[in-house]
Protein backbone atom coordinates (compact mmCIF):
# COMPACT_ATOMS: atom_id res chain seq x y z
CA MET A 1 -14.83 -12.80 -17.99
CA PHE A 2 -11.74 -10.59 -17.98
CA GLU A 3 -9.64 -13.33 -19.54
CA TYR A 4 -12.30 -13.93 -22.21
CA LEU A 5 -12.25 -10.22 -23.04
CA ALA A 6 -8.44 -10.23 -23.23
CA ASP A 7 -8.55 -13.29 -25.51
CA TRP A 8 -11.05 -11.58 -27.81
CA VAL A 9 -9.10 -8.32 -28.05
CA THR A 10 -5.67 -9.96 -28.37
CA PHE A 11 -6.42 -12.88 -30.67
CA LYS A 12 -9.55 -11.82 -32.58
CA ILE A 13 -9.29 -8.05 -32.87
CA LEU A 14 -5.51 -7.55 -32.98
CA ASN A 15 -4.76 -11.01 -34.40
CA LEU A 16 -1.73 -11.49 -32.15
CA SER A 17 -0.20 -14.78 -31.07
CA MET A 18 0.28 -15.74 -27.42
CA ASP A 19 3.62 -17.24 -28.41
CA THR A 20 5.05 -13.77 -29.02
CA SER A 21 6.23 -11.25 -26.44
CA ILE A 22 3.85 -8.56 -27.71
CA GLY A 23 0.95 -11.01 -27.60
CA GLU A 24 1.70 -11.89 -23.97
CA SER A 25 2.06 -8.22 -23.05
CA VAL A 26 -1.17 -7.09 -24.73
CA HIS A 27 -3.17 -9.98 -23.25
CA PHE A 28 -1.79 -9.22 -19.76
CA PHE A 29 -2.55 -5.51 -20.15
CA VAL A 30 -6.15 -5.90 -21.36
CA MET A 31 -7.07 -8.52 -18.76
CA ASP A 32 -5.55 -6.68 -15.79
CA VAL A 33 -6.77 -3.20 -16.74
CA THR A 34 -10.40 -4.33 -17.04
CA LYS A 35 -10.19 -6.47 -13.91
CA ILE A 36 -8.53 -3.80 -11.78
CA PHE A 37 -10.89 -0.98 -12.75
CA PHE A 38 -13.91 -3.21 -12.17
CA MET A 39 -12.63 -4.16 -8.72
CA LEU A 40 -11.67 -0.56 -7.98
CA VAL A 41 -15.18 0.74 -8.59
CA VAL A 42 -16.86 -1.99 -6.55
CA ILE A 43 -14.41 -1.97 -3.65
CA ILE A 44 -14.05 1.80 -3.36
CA TYR A 45 -17.82 2.19 -3.36
CA LEU A 46 -18.17 -0.32 -0.51
CA MET A 47 -15.29 1.28 1.37
CA GLY A 48 -16.89 4.68 0.83
CA LEU A 49 -20.05 3.45 2.51
CA PHE A 50 -17.96 2.13 5.38
CA ARG A 51 -16.00 5.37 5.62
CA SER A 52 -19.26 7.31 6.00
CA PHE A 53 -19.61 5.54 9.35
CA VAL A 54 -15.96 5.70 10.49
CA SER A 55 -14.15 9.06 10.58
CA PRO A 56 -10.49 9.79 11.38
CA GLU A 57 -11.67 11.38 14.63
CA LYS A 58 -13.28 8.08 15.68
CA VAL A 59 -10.02 6.30 14.96
CA ARG A 60 -8.17 8.71 17.24
CA LEU A 61 -10.72 8.29 20.03
CA TYR A 62 -10.50 4.50 19.82
CA VAL A 63 -6.75 4.58 20.49
CA GLN A 64 -6.62 7.41 23.06
CA GLY A 65 -6.28 6.36 26.68
CA LYS A 66 -5.25 2.75 26.05
CA SER A 67 -2.03 1.10 27.31
CA LYS A 68 0.93 1.32 24.96
CA PHE A 69 0.73 -2.33 23.87
CA ILE A 70 -3.03 -2.26 23.38
CA ALA A 71 -2.79 1.13 21.68
CA ARG A 72 -0.15 -0.17 19.28
CA VAL A 73 -2.16 -3.26 18.39
CA MET A 74 -5.32 -1.19 17.92
CA ALA A 75 -3.49 1.42 15.85
CA ILE A 76 -2.03 -1.24 13.55
CA LEU A 77 -5.37 -3.00 13.12
CA LEU A 78 -7.13 0.31 12.50
CA GLY A 79 -4.45 1.26 10.00
CA ALA A 80 -4.98 -2.05 8.24
CA VAL A 81 -8.79 -1.93 7.97
CA THR A 82 -9.72 1.75 7.81
CA PRO A 83 -10.07 3.13 4.26
CA PHE A 84 -7.78 6.16 4.62
CA CYS A 85 -5.49 7.16 1.81
CA SER A 86 -1.97 8.41 2.43
CA CYS A 87 -3.21 11.99 2.38
CA SER A 88 -5.09 11.28 5.61
CA SER A 89 -1.85 10.44 7.42
CA VAL A 90 -1.05 14.08 8.18
CA PRO A 91 -4.31 15.03 10.02
CA ILE A 92 -4.36 11.64 11.76
CA PHE A 93 -0.74 12.13 12.84
CA ILE A 94 -1.61 15.56 14.23
CA GLY A 95 -4.65 14.16 16.03
CA PHE A 96 -2.61 11.36 17.58
CA VAL A 97 0.08 13.79 18.77
CA GLU A 98 -2.51 16.16 20.26
CA ALA A 99 -4.19 13.26 22.08
CA GLY A 100 -0.91 12.35 23.78
CA ILE A 101 -0.59 9.01 22.00
CA PRO A 102 3.09 7.86 21.94
CA LEU A 103 4.86 8.59 18.69
CA GLY A 104 5.98 4.98 18.41
CA VAL A 105 2.31 3.94 18.28
CA THR A 106 1.61 6.66 15.73
CA PHE A 107 4.45 5.49 13.49
CA SER A 108 3.11 1.92 13.70
CA PHE A 109 -0.16 3.27 12.36
CA LEU A 110 1.63 5.20 9.61
CA ILE A 111 3.42 2.03 8.49
CA ALA A 112 0.34 -0.19 8.57
CA SER A 113 -2.07 2.25 6.93
CA PRO A 114 -0.50 2.52 3.45
CA MET A 115 1.15 -0.91 3.47
CA ILE A 116 -1.98 -2.94 4.26
CA ASN A 117 -4.23 -0.97 1.96
CA GLU A 118 -7.66 -2.65 1.97
CA ILE A 119 -8.15 -2.10 -1.76
CA ALA A 120 -4.74 -3.54 -2.56
CA VAL A 121 -5.32 -6.53 -0.26
CA VAL A 122 -8.64 -7.47 -1.88
CA MET A 123 -7.19 -7.01 -5.36
CA LEU A 124 -4.12 -9.02 -4.40
CA LEU A 125 -6.43 -11.77 -3.19
CA GLY A 126 -8.20 -11.84 -6.54
CA ILE A 127 -5.00 -11.81 -8.60
CA VAL A 128 -2.44 -14.00 -6.81
CA GLY A 129 -4.51 -16.00 -4.31
CA TRP A 130 -5.05 -16.14 -0.56
CA LYS A 131 -1.70 -17.66 0.46
CA ILE A 132 0.43 -14.84 -0.90
CA THR A 133 -2.11 -12.29 0.33
CA ILE A 134 -1.89 -13.66 3.88
CA LEU A 135 1.90 -13.57 3.70
CA TYR A 136 1.74 -9.95 2.57
CA VAL A 137 -0.65 -8.92 5.37
CA LEU A 138 1.32 -10.75 8.08
CA SER A 139 4.53 -9.14 6.83
CA GLY A 140 2.93 -5.71 6.96
CA LEU A 141 1.68 -6.28 10.52
CA PHE A 142 5.16 -7.46 11.59
CA VAL A 143 6.94 -4.45 10.08
CA ALA A 144 4.37 -2.02 11.51
CA PHE A 145 4.58 -3.47 15.04
CA PHE A 146 8.35 -3.72 15.44
CA GLY A 147 9.11 -0.71 13.24
CA GLY A 148 7.10 1.49 15.60
CA ILE A 149 8.87 0.03 18.63
CA VAL A 150 12.34 0.70 17.18
CA MET A 151 11.28 4.20 16.13
CA GLU A 152 10.16 4.90 19.68
CA ARG A 153 13.58 3.96 21.09
CA PHE A 154 15.12 6.99 19.37
CA LYS A 155 12.66 9.40 21.09
CA PRO A 156 11.49 11.10 17.87
CA GLU A 157 9.45 13.75 19.72
CA LYS A 158 12.30 16.21 19.23
CA TRP A 159 11.98 15.84 15.45
CA VAL A 160 8.29 16.69 15.15
CA GLU A 161 7.63 20.06 13.53
CA ASP A 162 6.80 22.76 16.08
CA TYR A 163 3.47 23.70 14.54
CA VAL A 164 2.18 20.16 15.10
CA TRP A 165 2.57 20.49 18.87
CA LYS A 166 0.76 23.83 18.81
CA ILE A 167 -2.34 22.55 17.06
CA GLN A 168 -5.34 22.24 19.36
CA MET A 169 -8.35 20.13 18.59
CA GLY A 170 -11.42 22.11 17.62
CA GLU A 171 -9.60 24.76 15.62
CA THR A 172 -10.86 23.36 12.35
CA GLN A 173 -14.51 23.17 11.47
CA SER A 174 -16.08 19.84 10.61
CA ILE A 175 -18.57 19.47 7.80
CA GLU A 176 -21.91 18.12 8.89
CA ALA A 177 -22.42 14.77 7.21
CA ASP A 178 -25.58 13.65 5.46
CA ASN A 179 -26.33 10.39 7.27
CA SER A 180 -29.28 9.43 5.09
CA LEU A 181 -28.98 6.39 2.82
CA ASN A 182 -29.02 8.62 -0.26
CA GLY A 183 -26.38 10.86 1.32
CA ARG A 184 -24.10 7.92 2.06
CA HIS A 185 -24.59 6.69 -1.53
CA ARG A 186 -23.58 10.10 -2.90
CA TYR A 187 -20.55 10.10 -0.63
CA ALA A 188 -19.51 6.61 -1.78
CA MET A 189 -19.92 7.63 -5.44
CA SER A 190 -17.85 10.76 -4.83
CA GLU A 191 -15.14 8.54 -3.32
CA VAL A 192 -15.15 6.39 -6.45
CA LYS A 193 -14.83 9.44 -8.71
CA GLU A 194 -12.15 11.06 -6.57
CA ILE A 195 -9.96 8.01 -5.96
CA VAL A 196 -10.26 6.52 -9.44
CA GLY A 197 -9.72 9.97 -10.91
CA ARG A 198 -6.56 10.36 -8.84
CA ILE A 199 -4.96 6.96 -9.43
CA TRP A 200 -6.16 5.81 -12.86
CA MET A 201 -2.93 6.91 -14.52
CA TRP A 202 -0.88 5.00 -11.97
CA VAL A 203 -3.01 1.91 -12.53
CA LEU A 204 -2.34 2.13 -16.26
CA LEU A 205 1.34 2.76 -15.60
CA GLY A 206 1.55 -0.17 -13.19
CA VAL A 207 -0.28 -2.51 -15.57
CA GLY A 208 1.82 -1.26 -18.48
CA LEU A 209 5.04 -1.97 -16.61
CA GLY A 210 3.65 -5.34 -15.59
CA ALA A 211 2.76 -6.13 -19.20
CA LEU A 212 6.24 -5.21 -20.42
CA PHE A 213 7.74 -7.17 -17.55
CA HIS A 214 5.56 -10.15 -18.38
CA GLY A 215 6.35 -10.14 -22.09
CA TYR A 216 9.93 -8.93 -22.24
CA PHE A 217 11.54 -9.53 -18.83
CA PRO A 218 14.79 -11.51 -19.37
CA GLN A 219 14.31 -15.04 -18.09
CA GLN A 220 17.94 -15.16 -17.01
CA TRP A 221 17.44 -12.22 -14.66
CA ALA A 222 14.24 -13.76 -13.33
CA SER A 223 16.05 -17.00 -12.65
CA SER A 224 18.75 -15.10 -10.79
CA LEU A 225 16.24 -13.21 -8.66
CA SER A 226 14.29 -16.38 -7.96
CA GLU A 227 17.24 -18.11 -6.32
CA THR A 228 16.74 -18.16 -2.55
CA ASN A 229 20.49 -17.93 -1.98
CA ASN A 230 20.73 -14.73 -3.96
CA PHE A 231 21.53 -12.55 -0.97
CA PHE A 232 21.38 -9.26 -2.84
CA ALA A 233 18.06 -9.83 -4.67
CA VAL A 234 15.90 -8.57 -1.80
CA PRO A 235 17.91 -5.40 -1.03
CA MET A 236 18.03 -4.61 -4.75
CA SER A 237 14.26 -4.97 -5.06
CA VAL A 238 13.71 -2.70 -2.04
CA LEU A 239 16.11 -0.05 -3.33
CA LEU A 240 14.28 -0.21 -6.66
CA GLY A 241 10.88 0.14 -4.97
CA VAL A 242 11.66 3.12 -2.71
CA PRO A 243 12.03 5.74 -5.48
CA LEU A 244 9.36 4.14 -7.67
CA TYR A 245 6.38 6.51 -7.72
CA SER A 246 3.38 4.22 -7.88
CA ASN A 247 0.12 3.66 -6.07
CA ALA A 248 -0.09 0.45 -4.01
CA VAL A 249 -2.87 -0.72 -6.31
CA GLY A 250 -0.91 -0.03 -9.46
CA VAL A 251 2.10 -2.11 -8.40
CA ILE A 252 0.08 -5.33 -7.95
CA PRO A 253 0.13 -6.21 -11.69
CA LEU A 254 3.90 -5.75 -11.69
CA ALA A 255 4.20 -8.06 -8.70
CA GLU A 256 1.96 -10.59 -10.45
CA ALA A 257 4.21 -10.52 -13.50
CA MET A 258 7.29 -10.96 -11.29
CA LEU A 259 5.77 -14.06 -9.68
CA LEU A 260 4.78 -15.50 -13.06
CA LYS A 261 8.38 -15.06 -14.20
CA GLY A 262 9.64 -17.04 -11.22
CA VAL A 263 10.92 -14.22 -9.01
CA ALA A 264 11.10 -15.42 -5.41
CA ILE A 265 8.11 -14.66 -3.19
CA GLY A 266 10.19 -12.81 -0.57
CA THR A 267 11.80 -10.63 -3.22
CA THR A 268 8.40 -9.81 -4.72
CA LEU A 269 6.79 -9.04 -1.36
CA ALA A 270 9.73 -6.82 -0.39
CA PHE A 271 9.34 -4.92 -3.65
CA MET A 272 5.60 -4.39 -3.04
CA MET A 273 6.06 -3.37 0.60
CA SER A 274 8.81 -0.87 -0.19
CA ILE A 275 6.61 0.92 -2.71
CA ALA A 276 3.60 0.98 -0.38
CA ALA A 277 5.31 1.94 2.89
CA ILE A 278 8.29 4.10 1.91
CA SER A 279 7.45 5.46 -1.52
CA LEU A 280 8.19 9.06 -2.41
CA PRO A 281 4.57 10.33 -2.08
CA GLU A 282 4.31 8.99 1.47
CA LEU A 283 7.70 10.43 2.45
CA LEU A 284 6.81 13.83 1.01
CA ILE A 285 3.58 13.85 3.02
CA LEU A 286 5.35 12.87 6.23
CA ARG A 287 7.91 15.63 5.71
CA LYS A 288 5.09 18.11 6.36
CA VAL A 289 4.90 17.04 10.01
CA ILE A 290 8.32 15.59 10.90
CA LYS A 291 11.86 16.82 10.33
CA TRP A 292 14.43 15.25 8.04
CA GLN A 293 16.11 13.36 10.90
CA ALA A 294 12.90 11.53 11.77
CA LEU A 295 12.10 10.96 8.12
CA ALA A 296 15.54 9.41 7.49
CA LEU A 297 15.24 7.25 10.60
CA PHE A 298 11.73 6.15 9.65
CA THR A 299 12.88 5.24 6.13
CA ALA A 300 15.91 3.31 7.39
CA ILE A 301 13.94 1.29 9.95
CA VAL A 302 11.19 0.34 7.51
CA THR A 303 13.70 -0.47 4.75
CA ILE A 304 15.74 -2.79 6.98
CA SER A 305 12.57 -4.44 8.31
CA ILE A 306 11.28 -5.12 4.81
CA ILE A 307 14.61 -6.59 3.72
CA ILE A 308 14.59 -8.95 6.73
CA VAL A 309 11.02 -10.02 5.90
CA GLY A 310 12.00 -10.65 2.27
CA TRP A 311 14.96 -12.80 3.27
CA PHE A 312 12.79 -14.74 5.72
CA PHE A 313 10.12 -15.61 3.14
CA ASN A 314 12.72 -16.54 0.53
CA ILE A 315 14.11 -19.06 3.01
CA ILE A 316 10.84 -20.63 4.20
CA VAL A 317 8.92 -20.66 0.88
């Protein structure tokens, strides 16, 4: 139905031709904007209902007291499936530190949580199919698992801000939740309003960039990036993604346009992962709880891991 709407707007209302760059761009923009916002409302509402049952405190309690391996696996899986935005990383980080959970496990959670965003995964499934989605999720799990292990080797405890260690559980008051069906519905609706209200501009920006990319991206550059033996394509895509300020949801249309232009799958996945896991918003949030040394180390480890993953998928696919 989204493609029919895009056809109607592009060809009937605006009288554009699909054979032109502007026609391709407008069609891409209309179809993806309507599809993304529809999926956002539905998915965020369902995730809001789920979130009314699962709190960050429950996540912390699930991980506390487990062996390091089990704790790491649980933290990564919880980071992948729990509907917490990047803003939740700071209180969760503090809770993990207070509970005595190893920092390497905590960093695995911090990598998995924004990278394997449940909204982005479902939307990616609807846009580019299950094969690429599975590759993306497996890559995120790999980077989260081994990135946390490498981070732990450097003993980052010395780089955690002092105030984090001083925080004791129970100092902050918790708001009593309305557990009735109507209360959970209101909470889910508030999540839709809050999240959509916070990211709508980045969705439009991401779709707009994707539309321009789709209609005007030089085919010669796409052909160069799509070559599996182009050693520098993956690092270049990661370096481009790190400073790019975009929500994980908003970058999906850009990734879709890259794939349609023939950019290699590993290069595209590396670009997506760099934006989700080491984007500027996430780094600025982490700086509130860890010092610059830990932040630089965290960024370097995740960047190198993503580049390796990109090279690997460019070779096998």
